């Protein structure tokens, strides 16, 4: 608590009390949260058909997948799940990647072999039938839209810090 003499009264959770001229709060960046898809309906399907991490890779086997992202995580899962999933469409917003060059080359090789499909574009919406994900609509680089039927979406857009209560402390 601020004092009239420009110092602070401090108390620890153990009950120890201090008077201090300066208080330093080392809160770090807080917890890290995945960057979300940002389209209507995604929140309701999170951890069911819309995923931001892989907890059990076997859950993706035999599924029609759309994987978003251009970093190492996205390409690692594209490569790992090829041949295990029924189909994979990889979508990245631009021609440049942040992933390791060897991973990019492998993904492009798998696409050239017809083992997966790669698109340059961004998600526009989810296609939901009843309460289930049926597909995603992606706007391609040429501004055309393609409907991709799928069972599961894996979005690997990276993480951002979430400070929690300290963010609005003042």
N, C-alpha and C. Protein backbone atom coordinates (compact mmCIF):
# COMPACT_ATOMS: atom_id res chain seq x y z
N UNK A 1 0.85 -1.17 0.00
CA UNK A 1 0.00 0.00 0.00
C UNK A 1 0.90 1.23 0.00
N UNK A 2 0.60 2.25 -0.86
CA UNK A 2 1.41 3.47 -0.88
C UNK A 2 1.26 4.24 0.44
N UNK A 3 2.35 4.84 0.88
CA UNK A 3 2.36 5.66 2.10
C UNK A 3 2.46 7.13 1.73
N UNK A 4 2.18 8.01 2.67
CA UNK A 4 2.27 9.46 2.43
C UNK A 4 3.71 9.91 2.18
N UNK A 5 4.71 9.16 2.68
CA UNK A 5 6.11 9.54 2.50
C UNK A 5 6.73 8.96 1.23
N UNK A 6 5.92 8.54 0.27
CA UNK A 6 6.33 8.00 -1.03
C UNK A 6 6.98 6.63 -0.93
N UNK A 7 6.83 5.97 0.21
CA UNK A 7 7.29 4.59 0.36
C UNK A 7 6.06 3.68 0.34
N UNK A 8 6.30 2.38 0.49
CA UNK A 8 5.22 1.39 0.43
C UNK A 8 5.24 0.52 1.68
N UNK A 9 4.06 0.20 2.18
CA UNK A 9 3.90 -0.85 3.18
C UNK A 9 3.66 -2.14 2.43
N UNK A 10 4.49 -3.15 2.68
CA UNK A 10 4.37 -4.45 2.01
C UNK A 10 4.15 -5.53 3.04
N UNK A 11 3.43 -6.57 2.64
CA UNK A 11 3.24 -7.74 3.50
C UNK A 11 3.32 -8.98 2.62
N UNK A 12 4.01 -10.01 3.12
CA UNK A 12 4.10 -11.28 2.38
C UNK A 12 2.93 -12.16 2.76
N UNK A 13 2.75 -13.22 2.00
CA UNK A 13 1.68 -14.17 2.31
C UNK A 13 1.93 -14.88 3.65
N UNK A 14 3.18 -14.85 4.13
CA UNK A 14 3.52 -15.46 5.43
C UNK A 14 3.33 -14.47 6.58
N UNK A 15 2.96 -13.21 6.26
CA UNK A 15 2.70 -12.24 7.31
C UNK A 15 3.86 -11.33 7.64
N UNK A 16 5.01 -11.48 7.02
CA UNK A 16 6.15 -10.59 7.25
C UNK A 16 5.84 -9.23 6.64
N UNK A 17 6.17 -8.15 7.38
CA UNK A 17 5.87 -6.80 6.91
C UNK A 17 7.15 -6.02 6.65
N UNK A 18 7.11 -5.15 5.61
CA UNK A 18 8.25 -4.34 5.20
C UNK A 18 7.78 -2.93 4.90
N UNK A 19 8.71 -1.99 4.98
CA UNK A 19 8.53 -0.65 4.42
C UNK A 19 9.60 -0.55 3.34
N UNK A 20 9.21 -0.16 2.12
CA UNK A 20 10.15 -0.14 1.01
C UNK A 20 10.01 1.14 0.21
N UNK A 21 11.15 1.59 -0.37
CA UNK A 21 11.13 2.75 -1.27
C UNK A 21 10.74 2.33 -2.68
N UNK A 22 11.08 1.10 -3.05
CA UNK A 22 10.84 0.62 -4.41
C UNK A 22 10.25 -0.78 -4.34
N UNK A 23 9.32 -1.07 -5.23
CA UNK A 23 8.75 -2.40 -5.35
C UNK A 23 8.96 -2.87 -6.78
N UNK A 24 9.59 -4.02 -6.94
CA UNK A 24 9.79 -4.60 -8.25
C UNK A 24 8.94 -5.86 -8.33
N UNK A 25 8.09 -5.92 -9.33
CA UNK A 25 7.25 -7.10 -9.54
C UNK A 25 7.78 -7.82 -10.77
N UNK A 26 8.34 -9.00 -10.56
CA UNK A 26 8.89 -9.80 -11.65
C UNK A 26 7.84 -10.85 -12.01
N UNK A 27 6.94 -10.48 -12.90
CA UNK A 27 5.83 -11.35 -13.25
C UNK A 27 6.08 -12.14 -14.52
N UNK A 28 7.18 -11.89 -15.21
CA UNK A 28 7.42 -12.59 -16.46
C UNK A 28 6.37 -12.20 -17.49
N UNK A 29 6.14 -13.07 -18.43
CA UNK A 29 5.13 -12.80 -19.46
C UNK A 29 3.82 -13.51 -19.18
N UNK A 30 3.71 -14.16 -18.03
CA UNK A 30 2.48 -14.85 -17.71
C UNK A 30 2.43 -16.21 -18.38
N UNK A 31 1.24 -16.67 -18.63
CA UNK A 31 1.07 -17.96 -19.30
C UNK A 31 1.00 -17.73 -20.81
N UNK A 32 1.31 -18.76 -21.56
CA UNK A 32 1.27 -18.64 -23.01
C UNK A 32 0.05 -19.39 -23.54
N UNK A 33 -0.70 -18.73 -24.38
CA UNK A 33 -1.93 -19.27 -24.94
C UNK A 33 -1.78 -19.39 -26.45
N UNK A 34 -2.40 -20.40 -27.05
CA UNK A 34 -2.30 -20.51 -28.52
C UNK A 34 -3.08 -19.39 -29.21
N UNK A 35 -2.57 -18.96 -30.34
CA UNK A 35 -3.31 -18.01 -31.18
C UNK A 35 -4.47 -18.78 -31.81
N UNK A 36 -5.65 -18.25 -31.67
CA UNK A 36 -6.87 -18.93 -32.09
C UNK A 36 -7.21 -18.66 -33.56
N UNK A 37 -8.12 -19.47 -34.10
CA UNK A 37 -8.56 -19.32 -35.50
C UNK A 37 -9.27 -17.99 -35.74
N UNK A 38 -10.05 -17.54 -34.79
CA UNK A 38 -10.73 -16.27 -34.93
C UNK A 38 -11.90 -16.29 -35.90
N UNK A 39 -12.55 -17.45 -36.04
CA UNK A 39 -13.74 -17.52 -36.89
C UNK A 39 -14.91 -18.04 -36.05
N UNK A 40 -16.10 -17.67 -36.46
CA UNK A 40 -17.31 -18.04 -35.73
C UNK A 40 -17.43 -19.56 -35.61
N UNK A 41 -17.77 -20.00 -34.41
CA UNK A 41 -18.00 -21.42 -34.16
C UNK A 41 -16.78 -22.20 -33.69
N UNK A 42 -15.59 -21.62 -33.83
CA UNK A 42 -14.37 -22.35 -33.46
C UNK A 42 -14.30 -22.64 -31.97
N UNK A 43 -14.72 -21.68 -31.14
CA UNK A 43 -14.64 -21.87 -29.69
C UNK A 43 -15.46 -23.08 -29.23
N UNK A 44 -16.64 -23.26 -29.79
CA UNK A 44 -17.52 -24.37 -29.39
C UNK A 44 -16.94 -25.73 -29.77
N UNK A 45 -16.06 -25.76 -30.77
CA UNK A 45 -15.49 -27.02 -31.24
C UNK A 45 -14.08 -27.28 -30.72
N UNK A 46 -13.57 -26.34 -29.91
CA UNK A 46 -12.20 -26.46 -29.40
C UNK A 46 -12.04 -27.73 -28.57
N UNK A 47 -10.95 -28.43 -28.81
CA UNK A 47 -10.61 -29.71 -28.17
C UNK A 47 -11.55 -30.84 -28.54
N UNK A 48 -12.44 -30.60 -29.50
CA UNK A 48 -13.30 -31.65 -30.05
C UNK A 48 -12.91 -31.90 -31.50
N UNK A 49 -13.08 -30.85 -32.33
CA UNK A 49 -12.71 -30.94 -33.73
C UNK A 49 -11.77 -29.83 -34.17
N UNK A 50 -11.60 -28.82 -33.34
CA UNK A 50 -10.65 -27.74 -33.58
C UNK A 50 -9.59 -27.82 -32.50
N UNK A 51 -8.34 -27.99 -32.93
CA UNK A 51 -7.24 -28.20 -31.99
C UNK A 51 -6.13 -27.19 -32.23
N UNK A 52 -5.45 -26.85 -31.12
CA UNK A 52 -4.31 -25.94 -31.19
C UNK A 52 -3.03 -26.64 -30.74
N UNK A 53 -3.14 -27.88 -30.36
CA UNK A 53 -1.99 -28.72 -30.01
C UNK A 53 -2.42 -30.17 -30.16
N UNK A 54 -1.44 -31.03 -30.25
CA UNK A 54 -1.71 -32.46 -30.37
C UNK A 54 -1.36 -33.11 -29.03
N UNK A 55 -2.36 -33.64 -28.39
CA UNK A 55 -2.12 -34.35 -27.13
C UNK A 55 -1.89 -35.83 -27.38
N UNK A 56 -2.62 -36.38 -28.36
CA UNK A 56 -2.53 -37.79 -28.71
C UNK A 56 -2.62 -37.89 -30.23
N UNK A 57 -1.50 -38.11 -30.88
CA UNK A 57 -1.46 -38.14 -32.34
C UNK A 57 -2.40 -39.18 -32.93
N UNK A 58 -2.63 -40.27 -32.22
CA UNK A 58 -3.50 -41.33 -32.74
C UNK A 58 -4.92 -40.84 -32.99
N UNK A 59 -5.35 -39.79 -32.29
CA UNK A 59 -6.70 -39.23 -32.51
C UNK A 59 -6.84 -38.62 -33.91
N UNK A 60 -5.73 -38.32 -34.56
CA UNK A 60 -5.75 -37.71 -35.88
C UNK A 60 -5.65 -38.75 -37.00
N UNK A 61 -5.33 -39.98 -36.62
CA UNK A 61 -5.21 -41.05 -37.62
C UNK A 61 -6.59 -41.37 -38.19
N UNK A 62 -6.65 -41.63 -39.49
CA UNK A 62 -7.90 -41.99 -40.14
C UNK A 62 -8.88 -40.85 -40.29
N UNK A 63 -8.43 -39.62 -40.08
CA UNK A 63 -9.29 -38.44 -40.18
C UNK A 63 -8.91 -37.60 -41.39
N UNK A 64 -9.87 -36.81 -41.86
CA UNK A 64 -9.60 -35.81 -42.90
C UNK A 64 -9.17 -34.54 -42.16
N UNK A 65 -7.90 -34.15 -42.35
CA UNK A 65 -7.32 -33.05 -41.59
C UNK A 65 -7.07 -31.83 -42.45
N UNK A 66 -7.27 -30.66 -41.85
CA UNK A 66 -6.76 -29.41 -42.40
C UNK A 66 -5.85 -28.84 -41.33
N UNK A 67 -4.59 -28.60 -41.71
CA UNK A 67 -3.59 -28.09 -40.78
C UNK A 67 -3.17 -26.71 -41.25
N UNK A 68 -3.28 -25.72 -40.35
CA UNK A 68 -2.93 -24.34 -40.65
C UNK A 68 -1.62 -23.97 -39.98
N UNK A 69 -0.78 -23.22 -40.69
CA UNK A 69 0.44 -22.67 -40.11
C UNK A 69 1.65 -22.92 -40.97
N UNK A 70 2.67 -22.08 -40.77
CA UNK A 70 3.89 -22.18 -41.56
C UNK A 70 5.15 -22.33 -40.75
N UNK A 71 4.99 -22.63 -39.46
CA UNK A 71 6.16 -22.82 -38.61
C UNK A 71 6.50 -24.28 -38.43
N UNK A 72 7.47 -24.54 -37.57
CA UNK A 72 7.94 -25.91 -37.35
C UNK A 72 6.85 -26.84 -36.86
N UNK A 73 6.01 -26.40 -35.93
CA UNK A 73 4.97 -27.28 -35.40
C UNK A 73 4.02 -27.74 -36.50
N UNK A 74 3.54 -26.79 -37.30
CA UNK A 74 2.60 -27.13 -38.37
C UNK A 74 3.23 -28.13 -39.33
N UNK A 75 4.43 -27.85 -39.81
CA UNK A 75 5.04 -28.74 -40.79
C UNK A 75 5.45 -30.08 -40.19
N UNK A 76 5.88 -30.08 -38.93
CA UNK A 76 6.20 -31.36 -38.28
C UNK A 76 4.98 -32.26 -38.25
N UNK A 77 3.79 -31.68 -37.92
CA UNK A 77 2.57 -32.50 -37.88
C UNK A 77 2.10 -32.88 -39.28
N UNK A 78 2.24 -31.99 -40.24
CA UNK A 78 1.89 -32.34 -41.63
C UNK A 78 2.70 -33.56 -42.06
N UNK A 79 3.99 -33.52 -41.82
CA UNK A 79 4.88 -34.61 -42.23
C UNK A 79 4.58 -35.88 -41.45
N UNK A 80 4.43 -35.75 -40.13
CA UNK A 80 4.20 -36.92 -39.29
C UNK A 80 2.87 -37.61 -39.59
N UNK A 81 1.82 -36.84 -39.85
CA UNK A 81 0.49 -37.42 -40.02
C UNK A 81 0.19 -37.86 -41.45
N UNK A 82 1.05 -37.49 -42.40
CA UNK A 82 0.86 -37.95 -43.78
C UNK A 82 1.00 -39.47 -43.81
N UNK A 83 0.00 -40.10 -44.39
CA UNK A 83 -0.02 -41.57 -44.45
C UNK A 83 -0.79 -42.18 -43.29
N UNK A 84 -1.01 -41.40 -42.24
CA UNK A 84 -1.77 -41.88 -41.09
C UNK A 84 -3.19 -41.32 -41.10
N UNK A 85 -3.31 -40.08 -41.56
CA UNK A 85 -4.62 -39.46 -41.73
C UNK A 85 -5.20 -39.90 -43.07
N UNK A 86 -6.52 -39.87 -43.18
CA UNK A 86 -7.17 -40.20 -44.45
C UNK A 86 -6.74 -39.20 -45.53
N UNK A 87 -6.71 -37.93 -45.16
CA UNK A 87 -6.24 -36.88 -46.07
C UNK A 87 -5.71 -35.72 -45.25
N UNK A 88 -4.79 -34.96 -45.85
CA UNK A 88 -4.26 -33.77 -45.21
C UNK A 88 -4.23 -32.65 -46.24
N UNK A 89 -4.79 -31.50 -45.82
CA UNK A 89 -4.62 -30.27 -46.57
C UNK A 89 -3.86 -29.33 -45.64
N UNK A 90 -2.73 -28.83 -46.14
CA UNK A 90 -1.94 -27.88 -45.38
C UNK A 90 -2.20 -26.49 -45.95
N UNK A 91 -2.53 -25.54 -45.06
CA UNK A 91 -2.83 -24.17 -45.49
C UNK A 91 -1.89 -23.21 -44.76
N UNK A 92 -1.22 -22.38 -45.56
CA UNK A 92 -0.37 -21.33 -44.99
C UNK A 92 -0.66 -20.04 -45.74
N UNK A 93 -0.62 -18.93 -45.04
CA UNK A 93 -1.08 -17.65 -45.60
C UNK A 93 -0.15 -17.02 -46.63
N UNK A 94 1.07 -17.48 -46.73
CA UNK A 94 2.02 -16.86 -47.66
C UNK A 94 3.00 -17.91 -48.18
N UNK A 95 3.78 -17.58 -49.22
CA UNK A 95 4.70 -18.57 -49.78
C UNK A 95 5.95 -18.80 -48.92
N UNK A 96 6.29 -17.85 -48.03
CA UNK A 96 7.46 -18.02 -47.16
C UNK A 96 7.06 -18.75 -45.88
N UNK A 97 8.01 -19.52 -45.34
CA UNK A 97 7.76 -20.30 -44.14
C UNK A 97 8.75 -19.94 -43.04
N UNK A 98 8.36 -20.15 -41.80
CA UNK A 98 9.27 -19.98 -40.67
C UNK A 98 9.87 -21.33 -40.26
N UNK A 99 9.36 -22.39 -40.81
CA UNK A 99 9.82 -23.74 -40.46
C UNK A 99 11.22 -24.00 -41.03
N UNK A 100 11.83 -25.04 -40.52
CA UNK A 100 13.15 -25.45 -41.01
C UNK A 100 13.08 -25.74 -42.51
N UNK A 101 14.06 -25.30 -43.26
CA UNK A 101 14.05 -25.53 -44.72
C UNK A 101 13.86 -27.00 -45.10
N UNK A 102 14.44 -27.92 -44.34
CA UNK A 102 14.28 -29.35 -44.65
C UNK A 102 12.82 -29.78 -44.51
N UNK A 103 12.12 -29.22 -43.54
CA UNK A 103 10.70 -29.55 -43.35
C UNK A 103 9.86 -29.00 -44.49
N UNK A 104 10.18 -27.77 -44.91
CA UNK A 104 9.46 -27.17 -46.03
C UNK A 104 9.67 -28.01 -47.29
N UNK A 105 10.91 -28.40 -47.53
CA UNK A 105 11.21 -29.23 -48.71
C UNK A 105 10.47 -30.56 -48.65
N UNK A 106 10.41 -31.17 -47.48
CA UNK A 106 9.71 -32.46 -47.33
C UNK A 106 8.22 -32.29 -47.57
N UNK A 107 7.62 -31.22 -47.02
CA UNK A 107 6.19 -30.97 -47.24
C UNK A 107 5.92 -30.78 -48.73
N UNK A 108 6.76 -30.01 -49.40
CA UNK A 108 6.57 -29.77 -50.84
C UNK A 108 6.74 -31.06 -51.63
N UNK A 109 7.65 -31.91 -51.21
CA UNK A 109 7.84 -33.20 -51.87
C UNK A 109 6.59 -34.07 -51.70
N UNK A 110 6.06 -34.13 -50.50
CA UNK A 110 4.84 -34.92 -50.25
C UNK A 110 3.67 -34.38 -51.07
N UNK A 111 3.58 -33.06 -51.21
CA UNK A 111 2.52 -32.47 -52.02
C UNK A 111 2.72 -32.83 -53.50
N UNK A 112 3.96 -32.76 -53.97
CA UNK A 112 4.25 -33.11 -55.36
C UNK A 112 3.93 -34.57 -55.65
N UNK A 113 4.10 -35.43 -54.66
CA UNK A 113 3.78 -36.85 -54.80
C UNK A 113 2.29 -37.13 -54.68
N UNK A 114 1.49 -36.10 -54.37
CA UNK A 114 0.05 -36.27 -54.24
C UNK A 114 -0.37 -36.87 -52.90
N UNK A 115 0.52 -36.87 -51.93
CA UNK A 115 0.20 -37.46 -50.63
C UNK A 115 -0.48 -36.48 -49.70
N UNK A 116 -0.42 -35.18 -50.03
CA UNK A 116 -1.14 -34.14 -49.31
C UNK A 116 -1.38 -33.01 -50.28
N UNK A 117 -2.22 -32.09 -49.85
CA UNK A 117 -2.52 -30.91 -50.67
C UNK A 117 -2.03 -29.69 -49.89
N UNK A 118 -1.36 -28.79 -50.58
CA UNK A 118 -0.89 -27.56 -49.95
C UNK A 118 -1.56 -26.37 -50.62
N UNK A 119 -2.10 -25.44 -49.82
CA UNK A 119 -2.73 -24.24 -50.34
C UNK A 119 -2.14 -23.01 -49.67
N UNK A 120 -2.03 -21.93 -50.42
CA UNK A 120 -1.68 -20.65 -49.85
C UNK A 120 -2.98 -19.90 -49.66
N UNK A 121 -3.31 -19.58 -48.40
CA UNK A 121 -4.56 -18.89 -48.12
C UNK A 121 -4.80 -18.74 -46.63
N UNK A 122 -5.99 -18.23 -46.31
CA UNK A 122 -6.38 -18.00 -44.92
C UNK A 122 -7.80 -18.51 -44.68
N UNK A 123 -8.04 -18.93 -43.46
CA UNK A 123 -9.37 -19.43 -43.12
C UNK A 123 -10.38 -18.29 -43.13
N UNK A 124 -11.53 -18.54 -43.72
CA UNK A 124 -12.61 -17.56 -43.76
C UNK A 124 -13.74 -17.95 -42.82
N UNK A 125 -14.04 -19.26 -42.78
CA UNK A 125 -15.15 -19.71 -41.93
C UNK A 125 -15.09 -21.23 -41.78
N UNK A 126 -15.82 -21.69 -40.79
CA UNK A 126 -16.02 -23.13 -40.62
C UNK A 126 -17.36 -23.49 -41.23
N UNK A 127 -17.44 -24.68 -41.80
CA UNK A 127 -18.73 -25.20 -42.27
C UNK A 127 -19.19 -26.20 -41.22
N UNK A 128 -20.25 -25.84 -40.53
CA UNK A 128 -20.76 -26.68 -39.44
C UNK A 128 -22.13 -27.21 -39.84
N UNK A 129 -22.29 -28.51 -39.69
CA UNK A 129 -23.58 -29.15 -39.98
C UNK A 129 -24.06 -29.77 -38.68
N UNK A 130 -25.21 -29.29 -38.20
CA UNK A 130 -25.68 -29.70 -36.88
C UNK A 130 -24.74 -29.08 -35.85
N UNK A 131 -24.13 -29.93 -35.06
CA UNK A 131 -23.15 -29.42 -34.09
C UNK A 131 -21.75 -29.95 -34.39
N UNK A 132 -21.53 -30.40 -35.65
CA UNK A 132 -20.25 -31.01 -36.04
C UNK A 132 -19.59 -30.21 -37.15
N UNK A 133 -18.28 -30.18 -37.10
CA UNK A 133 -17.48 -29.58 -38.16
C UNK A 133 -17.55 -30.46 -39.39
N UNK A 134 -17.88 -29.85 -40.53
CA UNK A 134 -17.94 -30.60 -41.79
C UNK A 134 -16.88 -30.12 -42.77
N UNK A 135 -16.36 -28.90 -42.55
CA UNK A 135 -15.34 -28.38 -43.46
C UNK A 135 -14.93 -26.98 -43.09
N UNK A 136 -13.96 -26.47 -43.84
CA UNK A 136 -13.50 -25.09 -43.66
C UNK A 136 -13.48 -24.41 -45.02
N UNK A 137 -13.76 -23.13 -45.01
CA UNK A 137 -13.68 -22.32 -46.22
C UNK A 137 -12.41 -21.49 -46.14
N UNK A 138 -11.58 -21.61 -47.16
CA UNK A 138 -10.28 -20.94 -47.21
C UNK A 138 -10.26 -20.00 -48.40
N UNK A 139 -9.85 -18.76 -48.14
CA UNK A 139 -9.63 -17.82 -49.23
C UNK A 139 -8.20 -17.97 -49.69
N UNK A 140 -8.03 -18.32 -50.95
CA UNK A 140 -6.70 -18.54 -51.51
C UNK A 140 -6.05 -17.21 -51.90
N UNK A 141 -4.78 -17.27 -52.24
CA UNK A 141 -4.01 -16.07 -52.59
C UNK A 141 -4.65 -15.31 -53.75
N UNK A 142 -5.30 -16.01 -54.68
CA UNK A 142 -5.94 -15.35 -55.83
C UNK A 142 -7.34 -14.82 -55.49
N UNK A 143 -7.70 -14.85 -54.21
CA UNK A 143 -8.99 -14.36 -53.68
C UNK A 143 -10.16 -15.31 -53.92
N UNK A 144 -9.93 -16.43 -54.59
CA UNK A 144 -11.01 -17.41 -54.73
C UNK A 144 -11.15 -18.15 -53.40
N UNK A 145 -12.32 -18.72 -53.19
CA UNK A 145 -12.59 -19.45 -51.95
C UNK A 145 -12.77 -20.92 -52.29
N UNK A 146 -12.18 -21.77 -51.44
CA UNK A 146 -12.30 -23.21 -51.62
C UNK A 146 -12.88 -23.80 -50.34
N UNK A 147 -13.82 -24.73 -50.51
CA UNK A 147 -14.42 -25.44 -49.38
C UNK A 147 -13.66 -26.75 -49.21
N UNK A 148 -13.08 -26.95 -48.05
CA UNK A 148 -12.30 -28.16 -47.76
C UNK A 148 -13.06 -29.02 -46.76
N UNK A 149 -13.61 -30.15 -47.21
CA UNK A 149 -14.24 -31.04 -46.25
C UNK A 149 -13.21 -31.56 -45.26
N UNK A 150 -13.57 -31.64 -43.99
CA UNK A 150 -12.63 -32.16 -43.00
C UNK A 150 -13.36 -32.64 -41.75
N UNK A 151 -12.66 -33.48 -41.00
CA UNK A 151 -13.15 -33.96 -39.72
C UNK A 151 -12.53 -33.19 -38.57
N UNK A 152 -11.27 -32.79 -38.75
CA UNK A 152 -10.52 -32.10 -37.70
C UNK A 152 -9.69 -30.97 -38.29
N UNK A 153 -9.49 -29.93 -37.48
CA UNK A 153 -8.61 -28.81 -37.83
C UNK A 153 -7.54 -28.73 -36.76
N UNK A 154 -6.30 -28.55 -37.21
CA UNK A 154 -5.18 -28.29 -36.31
C UNK A 154 -4.58 -26.95 -36.72
N UNK A 155 -4.69 -25.96 -35.82
CA UNK A 155 -4.16 -24.63 -36.11
C UNK A 155 -2.89 -24.42 -35.30
N UNK A 156 -1.79 -24.22 -35.99
CA UNK A 156 -0.47 -24.01 -35.36
C UNK A 156 0.00 -22.60 -35.69
N UNK A 157 -0.60 -21.62 -35.04
CA UNK A 157 -0.29 -20.22 -35.30
C UNK A 157 0.67 -19.65 -34.26
N UNK A 158 1.19 -20.47 -33.40
CA UNK A 158 2.10 -19.99 -32.37
C UNK A 158 1.38 -19.62 -31.09
N UNK A 159 2.14 -19.05 -30.18
CA UNK A 159 1.64 -18.71 -28.85
C UNK A 159 1.79 -17.22 -28.61
N UNK A 160 0.96 -16.70 -27.71
CA UNK A 160 1.13 -15.32 -27.26
C UNK A 160 0.98 -15.28 -25.75
N UNK A 161 1.67 -14.35 -25.08
CA UNK A 161 1.60 -14.30 -23.62
C UNK A 161 0.26 -13.76 -23.14
N UNK A 162 -0.19 -14.27 -22.03
CA UNK A 162 -1.40 -13.79 -21.37
C UNK A 162 -1.01 -13.48 -19.93
N UNK A 163 -0.97 -12.21 -19.58
CA UNK A 163 -0.49 -11.79 -18.27
C UNK A 163 -1.42 -12.17 -17.13
N UNK A 164 -2.70 -12.34 -17.39
CA UNK A 164 -3.63 -12.66 -16.31
C UNK A 164 -3.98 -11.40 -15.54
N UNK A 165 -4.23 -11.52 -14.22
CA UNK A 165 -4.73 -10.38 -13.45
C UNK A 165 -3.78 -9.17 -13.42
N UNK A 166 -2.49 -9.40 -13.57
CA UNK A 166 -1.54 -8.28 -13.50
C UNK A 166 -1.68 -7.33 -14.70
N UNK A 167 -2.26 -7.80 -15.80
CA UNK A 167 -2.40 -6.97 -17.00
C UNK A 167 -3.26 -5.74 -16.74
N UNK A 168 -4.25 -5.85 -15.87
CA UNK A 168 -5.19 -4.74 -15.59
C UNK A 168 -5.01 -4.16 -14.20
N UNK A 169 -3.85 -4.37 -13.62
CA UNK A 169 -3.62 -3.97 -12.23
C UNK A 169 -3.53 -2.46 -12.06
N UNK A 170 -2.97 -1.77 -13.04
CA UNK A 170 -2.88 -0.32 -12.94
C UNK A 170 -1.63 0.18 -12.27
